[in-house]
């Protein structure tokens, strides 16, 4: 009940984020149900299990976005006086997990209703039965298996939110990072560089090496691509996972490095301010940037390898790709908005000291330009290196 009251009284932007979590959960739930019906219609096909495995990618992106929304939810953030009324860090963590579960469950329920409607189980086949073959409308749907699959997103998202926001392991991080960011901009000593760059570079190199080795072998185990007639070497998928993990680890350090480079070579006030802010916010926006870089490089590589294929991408493949791109982009946008909110006190102090609003906007433009100059070539380079073995 407390989670529902906090959700009802939240700001419109917070409600929009929760609705986006529900929408993403609905998309993943629909993909899982479609994979289930494919298994029912093709009981002897080994690719039925692999279709469920492909759903893990949009599932992971949805859970990542749900955790970001829960982390930036002001309704479950520790504030002075809440512990005296029984809302300590542990209780607030439970509330955040419950709020995430409510949003994801709502999306799963919408997915089930829409899926049953398209199958004709509610009011007859819509759209002249266009989706009958895709959703195996002639097969009986096992309700227990469907509900079990639909429960994956709420359970995983709420569990991940509780783990990320547990007391001493992330809860209170937004408020703490906000105060640290305000202090870092004002301090004379640059903030320490985030760890993870060596491991990130090593994982990216290992992932690209695995992809190159697997792509150059004529044989080996393959994985069928959704919506494509040709198969993908299984090791290529593992290599891409290593590359994505490496970019996720290296993102904060690369963002910090970008801020340090902005301050090199006799910087002016604009570059100095932009660089200090990037360095102080490297941990907040670096990892979402790394994930977006990984997803964009995978999209570019896929378009290079399979874009000219005769068989078009299937509708479920397009839905999964849209879910992954939307969730990772929304996670980055959420982190950027939260970083902007944390700078409000610093910006107000700078304005009181005589800085002009134009100077602050110019510093923001410099930050965006510097990040684009670093991450766009990196994304392109990873995509080219990943696609090269598969294109010969």
Protein backbone atom coordinates (compact mmCIF):
# COMPACT_ATOMS: atom_id res chain seq x y z
CA UNK A 1 0.00 0.00 0.00
CA UNK A 2 2.84 2.40 0.78
CA UNK A 3 4.37 1.75 -2.64
CA UNK A 4 1.04 2.48 -4.32
CA UNK A 5 0.63 5.74 -2.37
CA UNK A 6 4.14 6.88 -3.28
CA UNK A 7 3.55 5.96 -6.90
CA UNK A 8 0.24 7.85 -7.02
CA UNK A 9 1.71 11.03 -5.53
CA UNK A 10 4.86 11.16 -7.65
CA UNK A 11 5.81 13.86 -10.16
CA UNK A 12 4.58 13.54 -13.74
CA UNK A 13 8.10 12.82 -15.04
CA UNK A 14 8.51 10.02 -12.50
CA UNK A 15 5.15 8.58 -13.53
CA UNK A 16 6.25 8.71 -17.16
CA UNK A 17 9.39 6.73 -16.33
CA UNK A 18 7.30 4.09 -14.57
CA UNK A 19 4.96 3.87 -17.53
CA UNK A 20 7.99 3.39 -19.77
CA UNK A 21 9.10 0.51 -17.54
CA UNK A 22 5.61 -0.97 -17.88
CA UNK A 23 5.72 -0.56 -21.67
CA UNK A 24 9.12 -2.25 -21.88
CA UNK A 25 7.88 -5.06 -19.66
CA UNK A 26 4.88 -5.50 -21.95
CA UNK A 27 7.14 -5.78 -24.99
CA UNK A 28 9.40 -8.38 -23.37
CA UNK A 29 6.38 -10.32 -22.11
CA UNK A 30 4.92 -10.39 -25.62
CA UNK A 31 8.23 -11.68 -27.03
CA UNK A 32 8.36 -14.43 -24.40
CA UNK A 33 4.80 -15.51 -25.17
CA UNK A 34 5.56 -15.56 -28.89
CA UNK A 35 8.57 -17.79 -28.21
CA UNK A 36 6.30 -20.08 -26.19
CA UNK A 37 3.75 -20.41 -28.97
CA UNK A 38 6.52 -21.13 -31.48
CA UNK A 39 7.66 -23.99 -29.25
CA UNK A 40 4.09 -25.28 -29.13
CA UNK A 41 3.73 -25.16 -32.90
CA UNK A 42 7.19 -26.72 -33.53
CA UNK A 43 7.71 -29.30 -30.75
CA UNK A 44 10.65 -30.99 -32.48
CA UNK A 45 12.51 -27.81 -33.45
CA UNK A 46 15.63 -27.13 -31.39
CA UNK A 47 15.44 -23.47 -32.38
CA UNK A 48 12.44 -23.00 -30.08
CA UNK A 49 14.68 -22.91 -27.01
CA UNK A 50 17.08 -20.55 -28.76
CA UNK A 51 14.22 -18.14 -29.43
CA UNK A 52 13.72 -17.93 -25.69
CA UNK A 53 17.43 -17.25 -25.27
CA UNK A 54 17.24 -14.36 -27.76
CA UNK A 55 14.59 -12.81 -25.49
CA UNK A 56 17.21 -12.49 -22.75
CA UNK A 57 18.76 -9.49 -24.51
CA UNK A 58 15.63 -7.25 -24.36
CA UNK A 59 14.93 -8.69 -20.90
CA UNK A 60 18.36 -7.54 -19.67
CA UNK A 61 17.86 -4.10 -21.25
CA UNK A 62 14.46 -3.74 -19.58
CA UNK A 63 15.80 -4.75 -16.17
CA UNK A 64 18.71 -2.30 -16.58
CA UNK A 65 16.27 0.50 -17.33
CA UNK A 66 13.99 -0.48 -14.43
CA UNK A 67 16.92 -0.33 -12.00
CA UNK A 68 17.89 3.11 -13.31
CA UNK A 69 14.33 4.34 -12.80
CA UNK A 70 14.21 2.91 -9.28
CA UNK A 71 17.59 4.46 -8.44
CA UNK A 72 16.43 7.95 -9.46
CA UNK A 73 12.96 7.73 -7.91
CA UNK A 74 12.67 10.65 -5.46
CA UNK A 75 9.84 8.96 -3.57
CA UNK A 76 12.11 6.21 -2.28
CA UNK A 77 15.20 8.33 -1.60
CA UNK A 78 16.38 8.58 2.04
CA UNK A 79 15.55 11.91 3.64
CA UNK A 80 16.02 13.29 7.16
CA UNK A 81 13.25 12.25 9.53
CA UNK A 82 11.97 9.22 7.62
CA UNK A 83 13.74 6.73 9.88
CA UNK A 84 11.79 8.05 12.87
CA UNK A 85 8.51 6.99 11.23
CA UNK A 86 9.76 3.56 10.25
CA UNK A 87 11.01 4.38 6.74
CA UNK A 88 14.65 3.52 7.11
CA UNK A 89 17.00 2.49 4.27
CA UNK A 90 15.87 -1.15 4.33
CA UNK A 91 12.18 -0.22 4.19
CA UNK A 92 12.76 2.26 1.37
CA UNK A 93 14.64 -0.41 -0.56
CA UNK A 94 11.64 -2.72 -0.19
CA UNK A 95 9.35 0.10 -1.36
CA UNK A 96 11.53 0.71 -4.42
CA UNK A 97 11.46 -3.00 -5.27
CA UNK A 98 7.69 -3.14 -4.79
CA UNK A 99 7.16 -0.07 -7.00
CA UNK A 100 9.30 -1.65 -9.72
CA UNK A 101 7.36 -4.90 -9.42
CA UNK A 102 4.03 -3.06 -9.74
CA UNK A 103 5.10 -1.29 -12.94
CA UNK A 104 6.54 -4.46 -14.48
CA UNK A 105 3.49 -6.53 -13.51
CA UNK A 106 1.22 -3.98 -15.14
CA UNK A 107 3.20 -4.32 -18.35
CA UNK A 108 3.08 -8.13 -18.20
CA UNK A 109 -0.69 -8.02 -17.76
CA UNK A 110 -1.06 -5.75 -20.80
CA UNK A 111 1.17 -8.12 -22.80
CA UNK A 112 -1.02 -11.10 -21.88
CA UNK A 113 -4.26 -9.32 -22.83
CA UNK A 114 -2.84 -8.08 -26.13
CA UNK A 115 -1.40 -11.51 -26.91
CA UNK A 116 -4.71 -13.27 -26.20
CA UNK A 117 -6.54 -10.69 -28.30
CA UNK A 118 -4.26 -11.26 -31.30
CA UNK A 119 -4.65 -15.03 -30.94
CA UNK A 120 -8.41 -14.69 -30.96
CA UNK A 121 -8.83 -16.20 -27.49
CA UNK A 122 -10.96 -13.27 -26.31
CA UNK A 123 -13.14 -11.91 -29.11
CA UNK A 124 -12.15 -13.78 -32.26
CA UNK A 125 -9.22 -13.31 -34.60
CA UNK A 126 -8.54 -9.61 -35.33
CA UNK A 127 -6.97 -8.22 -38.52
CA UNK A 128 -8.50 -11.06 -40.55
CA UNK A 129 -6.29 -13.61 -38.78
CA UNK A 130 -3.03 -12.05 -39.94
CA UNK A 131 -1.27 -13.03 -36.69
CA UNK A 132 -2.74 -16.53 -36.46
CA UNK A 133 0.32 -18.35 -37.84
CA UNK A 134 2.83 -16.20 -35.95
CA UNK A 135 1.12 -16.80 -32.60
CA UNK A 136 0.02 -20.41 -33.22
CA UNK A 137 -3.64 -19.58 -32.78
CA UNK A 138 -4.64 -23.20 -33.40
CA UNK A 139 -2.64 -24.50 -30.43
CA UNK A 140 -3.86 -24.56 -26.84
CA UNK A 141 -1.95 -22.11 -24.64
CA UNK A 142 -0.62 -23.60 -21.37
CA UNK A 143 -1.62 -20.94 -18.87
CA UNK A 144 0.90 -22.01 -16.23
CA UNK A 145 3.86 -21.71 -18.59
CA UNK A 146 2.60 -18.37 -19.90
CA UNK A 147 2.25 -16.93 -16.39
CA UNK A 148 5.68 -18.25 -15.44
CA UNK A 149 7.27 -16.48 -18.41
CA UNK A 150 5.36 -13.28 -17.71
CA UNK A 151 6.60 -13.32 -14.11
CA UNK A 152 10.23 -13.22 -15.26
CA UNK A 153 10.34 -9.45 -15.81
CA UNK A 154 8.65 -8.38 -12.52
CA UNK A 155 10.69 -10.82 -10.45
CA UNK A 156 14.00 -10.04 -12.13
CA UNK A 157 13.46 -6.27 -12.18
CA UNK A 158 12.34 -6.03 -8.55
CA UNK A 159 15.15 -8.32 -7.42
CA UNK A 160 17.74 -6.31 -9.33
CA UNK A 161 16.34 -3.05 -7.91
CA UNK A 162 16.49 -4.42 -4.37
CA UNK A 163 20.05 -5.63 -4.90
CA UNK A 164 21.22 -2.34 -6.43
CA UNK A 165 19.55 -0.16 -3.77
CA UNK A 166 20.23 -2.30 -0.73
CA UNK A 167 21.56 -0.42 2.36
CA UNK A 168 25.28 0.06 1.97
CA UNK A 169 25.25 -1.14 -1.64
CA UNK A 170 23.75 1.72 -3.61
CA UNK A 171 20.80 3.14 -1.65
CA UNK A 172 21.31 6.82 -1.15
CA UNK A 173 23.73 6.92 -4.04
CA UNK A 174 21.85 9.64 -5.95
CA UNK A 175 21.89 12.06 -3.05
CA UNK A 176 25.46 11.20 -2.17
CA UNK A 177 26.63 11.53 -5.77
CA UNK A 178 24.81 14.84 -6.06
CA UNK A 179 26.65 16.27 -3.08
CA UNK A 180 29.93 14.79 -4.28
CA UNK A 181 29.39 16.27 -7.73
CA UNK A 182 28.77 19.72 -6.25
CA UNK A 183 31.91 19.48 -4.17
CA UNK A 184 34.03 18.07 -7.00
CA UNK A 185 33.32 21.03 -9.29
CA UNK A 186 34.41 23.43 -6.58
CA UNK A 187 37.51 21.53 -5.47
CA UNK A 188 40.95 22.31 -6.82
CA UNK A 189 42.11 18.68 -6.97
CA UNK A 190 40.55 16.68 -9.88
CA UNK A 191 38.33 13.71 -8.86
CA UNK A 192 40.01 10.30 -8.94
CA UNK A 193 39.60 8.37 -12.18
CA UNK A 194 37.07 5.50 -11.98
CA UNK A 195 38.53 2.04 -12.03
CA UNK A 196 37.67 -0.45 -14.73
CA UNK A 197 39.44 0.85 -17.83
CA UNK A 198 42.11 -1.91 -18.01
CA UNK A 199 39.52 -4.65 -17.50
CA UNK A 200 37.16 -2.97 -19.93
CA UNK A 201 39.78 -2.71 -22.66
CA UNK A 202 40.83 -6.31 -22.06
CA UNK A 203 37.25 -7.58 -22.34
CA UNK A 204 36.59 -5.57 -25.51
CA UNK A 205 39.78 -6.95 -27.08
CA UNK A 206 38.90 -10.49 -25.98
CA UNK A 207 35.36 -10.18 -27.34
CA UNK A 208 36.56 -8.91 -30.71
CA UNK A 209 39.18 -11.68 -30.85
CA UNK A 210 36.53 -14.34 -30.15
CA UNK A 211 34.27 -12.87 -32.84
CA UNK A 212 37.12 -12.79 -35.34
CA UNK A 213 38.11 -16.38 -34.58
CA UNK A 214 34.55 -17.70 -34.74
CA UNK A 215 33.64 -15.72 -37.83
CA UNK A 216 36.63 -17.03 -39.73
CA UNK A 217 35.89 -20.71 -39.03
CA UNK A 218 33.80 -22.52 -41.65
CA UNK A 219 32.27 -24.95 -39.15
CA UNK A 220 31.21 -24.89 -35.54
CA UNK A 221 28.00 -24.54 -33.63
CA UNK A 222 25.58 -21.92 -34.97
CA UNK A 223 22.59 -20.04 -33.58
CA UNK A 224 19.59 -19.23 -35.81
CA UNK A 225 18.93 -15.53 -36.16
CA UNK A 226 15.31 -14.42 -35.58
CA UNK A 227 13.85 -13.34 -38.91
CA UNK A 228 16.88 -14.49 -40.92
CA UNK A 229 17.44 -17.67 -42.89
CA UNK A 230 21.18 -17.85 -42.18
CA UNK A 231 22.72 -18.76 -38.86
CA UNK A 232 25.21 -16.95 -36.66
CA UNK A 233 28.22 -18.70 -35.08
CA UNK A 234 27.45 -19.18 -31.40
CA UNK A 235 30.88 -17.90 -30.36
CA UNK A 236 30.16 -14.60 -32.13
CA UNK A 237 27.28 -13.99 -29.74
CA UNK A 238 29.55 -14.78 -26.79
CA UNK A 239 32.18 -12.43 -28.15
CA UNK A 240 29.66 -9.62 -28.46
CA UNK A 241 28.61 -10.18 -24.82
CA UNK A 242 32.24 -9.81 -23.75
CA UNK A 243 32.55 -6.65 -25.83
CA UNK A 244 29.39 -5.17 -24.32
CA UNK A 245 30.59 -5.97 -20.80
CA UNK A 246 33.93 -4.35 -21.56
CA UNK A 247 32.32 -1.16 -22.84
CA UNK A 248 30.09 -1.07 -19.76
CA UNK A 249 33.13 -1.32 -17.50
CA UNK A 250 35.23 1.18 -19.46
CA UNK A 251 32.46 3.80 -19.87
CA UNK A 252 33.08 5.73 -16.61
CA UNK A 253 36.86 5.83 -17.11
CA UNK A 254 36.46 6.98 -20.73
CA UNK A 255 34.06 9.73 -19.64
CA UNK A 256 36.53 10.81 -16.95
CA UNK A 257 39.33 10.82 -19.53
CA UNK A 258 37.19 12.95 -21.82
CA UNK A 259 36.76 15.50 -19.05
CA UNK A 260 40.48 15.51 -18.33
CA UNK A 261 41.32 16.09 -21.98
CA UNK A 262 38.95 19.05 -22.07
CA UNK A 263 41.05 20.72 -19.38
CA UNK A 264 44.37 20.11 -21.11
CA UNK A 265 46.39 22.69 -23.04
CA UNK A 266 45.58 25.94 -21.23
CA UNK A 267 41.78 25.71 -20.99
CA UNK A 268 39.47 28.67 -20.71
CA UNK A 269 36.62 28.97 -18.24
CA UNK A 270 34.17 27.09 -20.47
CA UNK A 271 36.41 24.09 -21.10
CA UNK A 272 37.53 24.04 -17.48
CA UNK A 273 33.95 23.95 -16.18
CA UNK A 274 32.84 21.40 -18.77
CA UNK A 275 35.79 19.13 -18.00
CA UNK A 276 35.31 19.28 -14.24
CA UNK A 277 31.63 18.43 -14.54
CA UNK A 278 32.37 15.47 -16.83
CA UNK A 279 34.96 14.16 -14.39
CA UNK A 280 32.59 14.47 -11.43
CA UNK A 281 29.71 12.77 -13.29
CA UNK A 282 31.77 10.04 -14.94
CA UNK A 283 30.41 7.29 -12.70
CA UNK A 284 26.81 8.39 -13.18
CA UNK A 285 26.65 8.64 -16.98
CA UNK A 286 29.67 6.58 -18.02
CA UNK A 287 28.11 3.14 -17.77
CA UNK A 288 24.90 4.05 -19.64
CA UNK A 289 27.11 5.59 -22.31
CA UNK A 290 29.10 2.38 -22.56
CA UNK A 291 25.92 0.31 -22.91
CA UNK A 292 24.56 2.63 -25.62
CA UNK A 293 27.91 2.35 -27.40
CA UNK A 294 27.70 -1.46 -27.27
CA UNK A 295 24.11 -1.55 -28.57
CA UNK A 296 24.83 0.96 -31.34
CA UNK A 297 27.93 -0.94 -32.47
CA UNK A 298 25.94 -4.19 -32.54
CA UNK A 299 23.24 -2.50 -34.62
CA UNK A 300 25.78 -1.11 -37.09
CA UNK A 301 27.52 -4.47 -37.38
CA UNK A 302 24.21 -6.29 -37.92
CA UNK A 303 23.18 -3.80 -40.58
CA UNK A 304 26.53 -4.27 -42.32
CA UNK A 305 26.42 -8.07 -42.25
CA UNK A 306 22.71 -8.79 -42.74
CA UNK A 307 21.29 -5.56 -44.10
CA UNK A 308 21.52 -6.72 -47.70
CA UNK A 309 20.12 -10.19 -47.00
CA UNK A 310 17.22 -11.33 -49.13
CA UNK A 311 15.07 -12.36 -46.16
CA UNK A 312 13.69 -9.37 -44.28
CA UNK A 313 13.88 -8.92 -40.54
CA UNK A 314 10.85 -10.43 -38.86
CA UNK A 315 8.41 -8.34 -36.81
CA UNK A 316 9.49 -9.93 -33.54
CA UNK A 317 13.14 -9.19 -34.33
CA UNK A 318 12.26 -5.56 -34.99
CA UNK A 319 10.31 -5.42 -31.72
CA UNK A 320 13.25 -6.84 -29.78
CA UNK A 321 15.71 -4.43 -31.39
CA UNK A 322 13.43 -1.46 -30.68
CA UNK A 323 13.08 -2.55 -27.05
CA UNK A 324 16.84 -2.82 -26.56
CA UNK A 325 17.54 0.52 -28.24
CA UNK A 326 14.72 2.30 -26.42
CA UNK A 327 15.62 0.93 -22.98
CA UNK A 328 19.32 1.71 -23.27
CA UNK A 329 18.63 5.17 -24.67
CA UNK A 330 16.07 5.88 -21.95
CA UNK A 331 18.54 4.73 -19.29
CA UNK A 332 21.13 7.18 -20.60
CA UNK A 333 18.55 9.98 -20.73
CA UNK A 334 17.45 9.20 -17.16
CA UNK A 335 21.05 9.37 -15.95
CA UNK A 336 21.60 12.66 -17.81
CA UNK A 337 18.46 14.22 -16.31
CA UNK A 338 19.45 13.07 -12.83
CA UNK A 339 22.94 14.54 -13.35
CA UNK A 340 21.37 17.82 -14.42
CA UNK A 341 19.19 17.84 -11.31
CA UNK A 342 22.22 17.23 -9.10
CA UNK A 343 23.95 20.30 -10.62
CA UNK A 344 21.15 22.70 -9.75
CA UNK A 345 22.82 23.90 -6.55
CA UNK A 346 26.17 24.31 -8.33
CA UNK A 347 24.61 26.22 -11.23
CA UNK A 348 22.75 28.49 -8.82
CA UNK A 349 26.02 29.22 -6.99
CA UNK A 350 27.79 30.00 -10.26
CA UNK A 351 25.00 32.36 -11.31
CA UNK A 352 25.23 34.15 -7.97
CA UNK A 353 28.96 34.61 -8.51
CA UNK A 354 28.36 36.32 -11.86
CA UNK A 355 28.40 33.51 -14.42
CA UNK A 356 25.98 34.04 -17.28
CA UNK A 357 23.36 31.45 -18.32
CA UNK A 358 24.91 31.51 -21.78
CA UNK A 359 28.23 30.34 -20.35
CA UNK A 360 26.53 27.41 -18.62
CA UNK A 361 24.75 26.42 -21.84
CA UNK A 362 28.02 26.71 -23.73
CA UNK A 363 29.73 24.43 -21.21
CA UNK A 364 26.90 21.90 -21.63
CA UNK A 365 27.33 21.98 -25.41
CA UNK A 366 31.07 21.45 -25.01
CA UNK A 367 30.43 18.40 -22.81
CA UNK A 368 28.05 16.86 -25.33
CA UNK A 369 30.42 17.56 -28.21
CA UNK A 370 33.38 16.05 -26.37
CA UNK A 371 31.45 12.88 -25.56
CA UNK A 372 30.33 12.54 -29.17
CA UNK A 373 33.89 13.00 -30.41
CA UNK A 374 35.04 10.15 -28.17
CA UNK A 375 32.18 7.63 -28.26
CA UNK A 376 31.03 7.93 -31.89
CA UNK A 377 34.40 6.89 -33.38
CA UNK A 378 34.69 4.20 -30.71
CA UNK A 379 31.26 2.81 -31.64
CA UNK A 380 32.14 2.85 -35.33
CA UNK A 381 35.50 1.14 -34.74
CA UNK A 382 33.96 -1.65 -32.63
CA UNK A 383 31.22 -2.18 -35.22
CA UNK A 384 33.72 -2.39 -38.09
CA UNK A 385 35.98 -4.81 -36.23
CA UNK A 386 33.00 -6.98 -35.20
CA UNK A 387 31.54 -7.10 -38.71
CA UNK A 388 34.82 -7.68 -40.58
CA UNK A 389 35.13 -11.46 -39.90
CA UNK A 390 31.49 -12.08 -40.89
CA UNK A 391 31.73 -10.17 -44.14
CA UNK A 392 34.90 -11.85 -45.29
